[in-house]
C-alpha atoms as a PDB file:
ATOM      1  CA  MET A   1     175.799 230.328  -3.015  1.00  0.00           C
ATOM      2  CA  TRP A   2     176.892 228.886   0.299  1.00  0.00           C
ATOM      3  CA  LEU A   3     177.597 232.306   1.585  1.00  0.00           C
ATOM      4  CA  SER A   4     174.029 233.524   0.800  1.00  0.00           C
ATOM      5  CA  ALA A   5     172.650 230.335   2.616  1.00  0.00           C
ATOM      6  CA  ILE A   6     174.696 230.959   5.659  1.00  0.00           C
ATOM      7  CA  MET A   7     173.710 234.679   5.754  1.00  0.00           C
ATOM      8  CA  LEU A   8     170.027 233.683   5.428  1.00  0.00           C
ATOM      9  CA  LEU A   9     170.391 231.276   8.382  1.00  0.00           C
ATOM     10  CA  ALA A  10     172.119 233.947  10.424  1.00  0.00           C
ATOM     11  CA  GLN A  11     169.481 236.565   9.642  1.00  0.00           C
ATOM     12  CA  GLU A  12     166.306 234.476   9.887  1.00  0.00           C
ATOM     13  CA  GLY A  13     167.376 231.762  12.312  1.00  0.00           C
ATOM     14  CA  ALA A  14     167.473 228.074  11.657  1.00  0.00           C
ATOM     15  CA  GLY A  15     163.920 227.645  13.002  1.00  0.00           C
ATOM     16  CA  ARG A  16     162.416 229.568  10.110  1.00  0.00           C
ATOM     17  CA  VAL A  17     164.458 227.974   7.193  1.00  0.00           C
ATOM     18  CA  ILE A  18     164.529 224.385   8.356  1.00  0.00           C
ATOM     19  CA  ALA A  19     161.151 222.836   8.969  1.00  0.00           C
ATOM     20  CA  THR A  20     160.634 221.472  12.483  1.00  0.00           C
ATOM     21  CA  PRO A  21     158.304 218.640  13.498  1.00  0.00           C
ATOM     22  CA  ARG A  22     155.980 221.271  14.961  1.00  0.00           C
ATOM     23  CA  ASP A  23     155.510 222.732  11.556  1.00  0.00           C
ATOM     24  CA  GLY A  24     154.179 219.384  10.315  1.00  0.00           C
ATOM     25  CA  ALA A  25     156.343 219.105   7.337  1.00  0.00           C
ATOM     26  CA  ILE A  26     157.934 215.791   8.349  1.00  0.00           C
ATOM     27  CA  GLU A  27     154.567 214.364   9.332  1.00  0.00           C
ATOM     28  CA  THR A  28     152.991 215.438   6.098  1.00  0.00           C
ATOM     29  CA  SER A  29     155.963 213.938   4.078  1.00  0.00           C
ATOM     30  CA  VAL A  30     155.592 210.623   5.969  1.00  0.00           C
ATOM     31  CA  ILE A  31     151.796 210.617   5.424  1.00  0.00           C
ATOM     32  CA  ASN A  32     152.306 211.327   1.732  1.00  0.00           C
ATOM     33  CA  ALA A  33     154.986 208.616   1.398  1.00  0.00           C
ATOM     34  CA  VAL A  34     152.705 206.102   3.151  1.00  0.00           C
ATOM     35  CA  GLN A  35     149.729 206.960   0.885  1.00  0.00           C
ATOM     36  CA  TRP A  36     151.949 206.529  -2.242  1.00  0.00           C
ATOM     37  CA  LEU A  37     153.113 203.190  -0.868  1.00  0.00           C
ATOM     38  CA  ARG A  38     149.503 202.121  -0.179  1.00  0.00           C
ATOM     39  CA  LEU A  39     148.501 203.156  -3.662  1.00  0.00           C
ATOM     40  CA  ALA A  40     151.427 201.052  -5.174  1.00  0.00           C
ATOM     41  CA  VAL A  41     150.498 197.981  -3.121  1.00  0.00           C
ATOM     42  CA  GLU A  42     146.810 198.334  -4.102  1.00  0.00           C
ATOM     43  CA  THR A  43     147.887 198.633  -7.725  1.00  0.00           C
ATOM     44  CA  ILE A  44     150.111 195.491  -7.517  1.00  0.00           C
ATOM     45  CA  GLY A  45     147.148 193.645  -6.047  1.00  0.00           C
ATOM     46  CA  ALA A  46     144.806 194.779  -8.835  1.00  0.00           C
ATOM     47  CA  LEU A  47     147.429 193.738 -11.397  1.00  0.00           C
ATOM     48  CA  VAL A  48     147.781 190.329  -9.874  1.00  0.00           C
ATOM     49  CA  ILE A  49     143.989 189.909 -10.065  1.00  0.00           C
ATOM     50  CA  GLY A  50     144.059 190.961 -13.669  1.00  0.00           C
ATOM     51  CA  LEU A  51     146.905 188.591 -14.544  1.00  0.00           C
ATOM     52  CA  GLY A  52     145.009 185.783 -12.800  1.00  0.00           C
ATOM     53  CA  VAL A  53     141.859 186.398 -14.769  1.00  0.00           C
ATOM     54  CA  VAL A  54     143.780 186.602 -18.032  1.00  0.00           C
ATOM     55  CA  ALA A  55     145.675 183.210 -17.171  1.00  0.00           C
ATOM     56  CA  ALA A  56     142.457 181.509 -16.169  1.00  0.00           C
ATOM     57  CA  ALA A  57     140.638 182.776 -19.291  1.00  0.00           C
ATOM     58  CA  ILE A  58     143.449 181.445 -21.553  1.00  0.00           C
ATOM     59  CA  GLN A  59     143.223 178.148 -19.849  1.00  0.00           C
ATOM     60  CA  PHE A  60     139.480 178.078 -20.155  1.00  0.00           C
ATOM     61  CA  VAL A  61     139.557 178.891 -23.829  1.00  0.00           C
ATOM     62  CA  ARG A  62     142.115 176.100 -24.326  1.00  0.00           C
ATOM     63  CA  ALA A  63     139.822 173.749 -22.412  1.00  0.00           C
ATOM     64  CA  LEU A  64     136.986 174.467 -24.829  1.00  0.00           C
ATOM     65  CA  LEU A  65     139.016 173.348 -27.789  1.00  0.00           C
ATOM     66  CA  PRO A  66     139.307 169.737 -28.662  1.00  0.00           C
ATOM     67  CA  PRO A  67     140.426 167.570 -26.809  1.00  0.00           C
ATOM     68  CA  ARG A  68     138.048 169.007 -24.251  1.00  0.00           C
ATOM     69  CA  VAL A  69     138.630 168.815 -20.509  1.00  0.00           C
ATOM     70  CA  GLU A  70     136.047 167.250 -18.310  1.00  0.00           C
ATOM     71  CA  ASN A  71     137.299 168.812 -15.150  1.00  0.00           C
ATOM     72  CA  TYR A  72     137.823 172.624 -14.668  1.00  0.00           C
ATOM     73  CA  ASN A  73     139.567 172.321 -11.273  1.00  0.00           C
ATOM     74  CA  ALA A  74     143.017 173.215 -12.702  1.00  0.00           C
ATOM     75  CA  ILE A  75     141.496 176.468 -14.173  1.00  0.00           C
ATOM     76  CA  ARG A  76     139.783 177.242 -10.763  1.00  0.00           C
ATOM     77  CA  LEU A  77     142.994 176.573  -8.892  1.00  0.00           C
ATOM     78  CA  THR A  78     145.022 178.878 -11.188  1.00  0.00           C
ATOM     79  CA  LEU A  79     142.568 181.703 -10.563  1.00  0.00           C
ATOM     80  CA  ALA A  80     142.491 180.895  -6.757  1.00  0.00           C
ATOM     81  CA  ARG A  81     146.286 181.119  -6.505  1.00  0.00           C
ATOM     82  CA  TYR A  82     146.267 184.557  -8.039  1.00  0.00           C
ATOM     83  CA  LEU A  83     143.244 185.762  -5.894  1.00  0.00           C
ATOM     84  CA  ALA A  84     145.025 184.476  -2.679  1.00  0.00           C
ATOM     85  CA  LEU A  85     148.114 186.460  -3.556  1.00  0.00           C
ATOM     86  CA  ALA A  86     146.138 189.514  -4.487  1.00  0.00           C
ATOM     87  CA  LEU A  87     144.245 189.342  -1.185  1.00  0.00           C
ATOM     88  CA  GLU A  88     147.500 189.482   0.727  1.00  0.00           C
ATOM     89  CA  PHE A  89     148.465 192.642  -1.210  1.00  0.00           C
ATOM     90  CA  GLN A  90     145.049 194.259  -0.573  1.00  0.00           C
ATOM     91  CA  LEU A  91     145.202 193.442   3.127  1.00  0.00           C
ATOM     92  CA  GLY A  92     148.647 195.025   3.287  1.00  0.00           C
ATOM     93  CA  ALA A  93     147.371 198.137   1.610  1.00  0.00           C
ATOM     94  CA  ASP A  94     144.510 198.332   4.152  1.00  0.00           C
ATOM     95  CA  ILE A  95     146.923 198.060   6.952  1.00  0.00           C
ATOM     96  CA  LEU A  96     149.084 200.856   5.497  1.00  0.00           C
ATOM     97  CA  SER A  97     146.076 203.144   5.188  1.00  0.00           C
ATOM     98  CA  THR A  98     145.315 202.816   8.937  1.00  0.00           C
ATOM     99  CA  ALA A  99     148.931 203.047   9.978  1.00  0.00           C
ATOM    100  CA  ILE A 100     148.811 206.898  10.021  1.00  0.00           C
ATOM    101  CA  ALA A 101     146.635 208.406  12.705  1.00  0.00           C
ATOM    102  CA  PRO A 102     143.784 205.964  12.368  1.00  0.00           C
ATOM    103  CA  SER A 103     140.379 206.729  13.685  1.00  0.00           C
ATOM    104  CA  TRP A 104     138.347 204.034  15.534  1.00  0.00           C
ATOM    105  CA  ASP A 105     136.004 203.886  12.522  1.00  0.00           C
ATOM    106  CA  GLN A 106     139.027 203.168  10.326  1.00  0.00           C
ATOM    107  CA  ILE A 107     140.298 200.476  12.707  1.00  0.00           C
ATOM    108  CA  GLY A 108     136.917 198.828  12.809  1.00  0.00           C
ATOM    109  CA  LYS A 109     136.638 198.732   9.049  1.00  0.00           C
ATOM    110  CA  LEU A 110     140.157 197.345   8.885  1.00  0.00           C
ATOM    111  CA  GLY A 111     139.172 194.634  11.341  1.00  0.00           C
ATOM    112  CA  ALA A 112     136.111 193.665   9.383  1.00  0.00           C
ATOM    113  CA  ILE A 113     137.997 193.746   6.040  1.00  0.00           C
ATOM    114  CA  ALA A 114     140.884 191.723   7.559  1.00  0.00           C
ATOM    115  CA  VAL A 115     138.552 189.040   8.905  1.00  0.00           C
ATOM    116  CA  ILE A 116     136.719 188.685   5.606  1.00  0.00           C
ATOM    117  CA  ARG A 117     139.895 188.637   3.514  1.00  0.00           C
ATOM    118  CA  THR A 118     141.647 186.255   5.861  1.00  0.00           C
ATOM    119  CA  GLY A 119     138.505 183.934   5.820  1.00  0.00           C
ATOM    120  CA  LEU A 120     138.510 184.072   1.924  1.00  0.00           C
ATOM    121  CA  ASN A 121     142.156 183.338   1.859  1.00  0.00           C
ATOM    122  CA  TYR A 122     141.824 180.412   4.265  1.00  0.00           C
ATOM    123  CA  PHE A 123     139.147 178.753   2.318  1.00  0.00           C
ATOM    124  CA  LEU A 124     141.002 179.338  -1.020  1.00  0.00           C
ATOM    125  CA  MET A 125     144.154 177.840   0.443  1.00  0.00           C
ATOM    126  CA  ARG A 126     142.309 174.861   1.835  1.00  0.00           C
ATOM    127  CA  GLU A 127     140.485 174.217  -1.499  1.00  0.00           C
ATOM    128  CA  MET A 128     143.774 174.415  -3.301  1.00  0.00           C
ATOM    129  CA  LYS A 129     145.358 171.919  -0.800  1.00  0.00           C
ATOM    130  CA  GLU A 130     142.415 169.629  -1.064  1.00  0.00           C
ATOM    131  CA  ALA A 131     142.454 169.738  -4.890  1.00  0.00           C
ATOM    132  CA  GLY A 132     146.254 169.152  -4.914  1.00  0.00           C
ATOM    133  CA  GLU A 133     145.827 166.071  -2.755  1.00  0.00           C
ATOM    134  CA  ARG A 134     143.038 164.709  -4.975  1.00  0.00           C
ATOM    135  CA  GLU A 135     145.240 165.162  -7.982  1.00  0.00           C
ATOM    136  CA  GLN A 136     148.152 163.483  -6.122  1.00  0.00           C
ATOM    137  CA  GLY A 137     145.760 160.674  -5.215  1.00  0.00           C
ATOM    138  CA  MET A 138     144.639 160.304  -8.780  1.00  0.00           C
ATOM    139  CA  VAL A 139     148.219 160.078 -10.069  1.00  0.00           C
ATOM    140  CA  VAL A 140     149.187 157.526  -7.389  1.00  0.00           C
ATOM    141  CA  GLY A 141     146.015 155.577  -8.027  1.00  0.00           C
ATOM    142  CA  ALA A 142     146.685 155.494 -11.806  1.00  0.00           C
ATOM    143  CA  GLU A 143     150.233 154.256 -11.039  1.00  0.00           C
ATOM    144  CA  VAL A 144     149.099 151.543  -8.784  1.00  0.00           C
ATOM    145  CA  ARG A 145     146.511 150.404 -11.329  1.00  0.00           C
ATOM    146  CA  GLN A 146     149.154 150.375 -14.067  1.00  0.00           C
ATOM    147  CA  ALA A 147     151.644 148.436 -11.939  1.00  0.00           C
ATOM    148  CA  SER A 148     148.926 145.958 -11.062  1.00  0.00           C
ATOM    149  CA  ALA A 149     147.902 145.455 -14.534  1.00  0.00           C
ATOM    150  CA  GLU A 150     151.548 144.937 -15.545  1.00  0.00           C
ATOM    151  CA  ARG A 151     151.985 142.274 -12.803  1.00  0.00           C
ATOM    152  CA  SER A 152     148.833 140.447 -13.703  1.00  0.00           C
ATOM    153  CA  SER A 153     149.903 140.378 -17.352  1.00  0.00           C
ATOM    154  CA  GLU A 154     153.343 138.948 -16.397  1.00  0.00           C
ATOM    155  CA  ASN A 155     151.720 136.236 -14.235  1.00  0.00           C
ATOM    156  CA  GLN A 156     149.408 134.842 -16.894  1.00  0.00           C
ATOM    157  CA  PRO A 157     150.602 131.809 -18.647  1.00  0.00           C
ATOM    158  CA  LEU A 158     151.258 131.947 -22.319  1.00  0.00           C
ATOM    159  CA  THR A 159     148.716 129.996 -24.336  1.00  0.00           C
ATOM    160  CA  PRO A 160     149.556 128.921 -27.826  1.00  0.00           C
ATOM    161  CA  ASN A 161     147.353 130.318 -30.582  1.00  0.00           C
ATOM    162  CA  PRO A 162     144.888 127.720 -31.924  1.00  0.00           C
END
């Protein structure tokens, strides 16, 4: 087998058997690999969105059952976290798609998509941070009220029952 490969190389020359960059084989292979990677990253982003919708839907159904919740912020934040992560994957896929010989049209579309997705991600992250701070404030406020109530009950004089 090795002998036949060496004979073929000798007869045809290495340039005809082994692909050169001029032939475009390497470039085509890289383009195909990047396209497959882009597809994988987009698929992961879509799966993250799907998981987020399922997780939020489960929380929503639980919130409808007694005891009912009055505030749906926790559900919104759950979905927002998944969406923020998925936006990062989708932006990465867009960058991959323009990494290979992009046209000015593709670069412009990527710029617009990047600005929109970055803006969405910024506002999602800001809302999650504010909601977390509100929840933290509610917990701290409840602890302060409880401690204050305990102190006031300790300071009240004991009165005999009539």
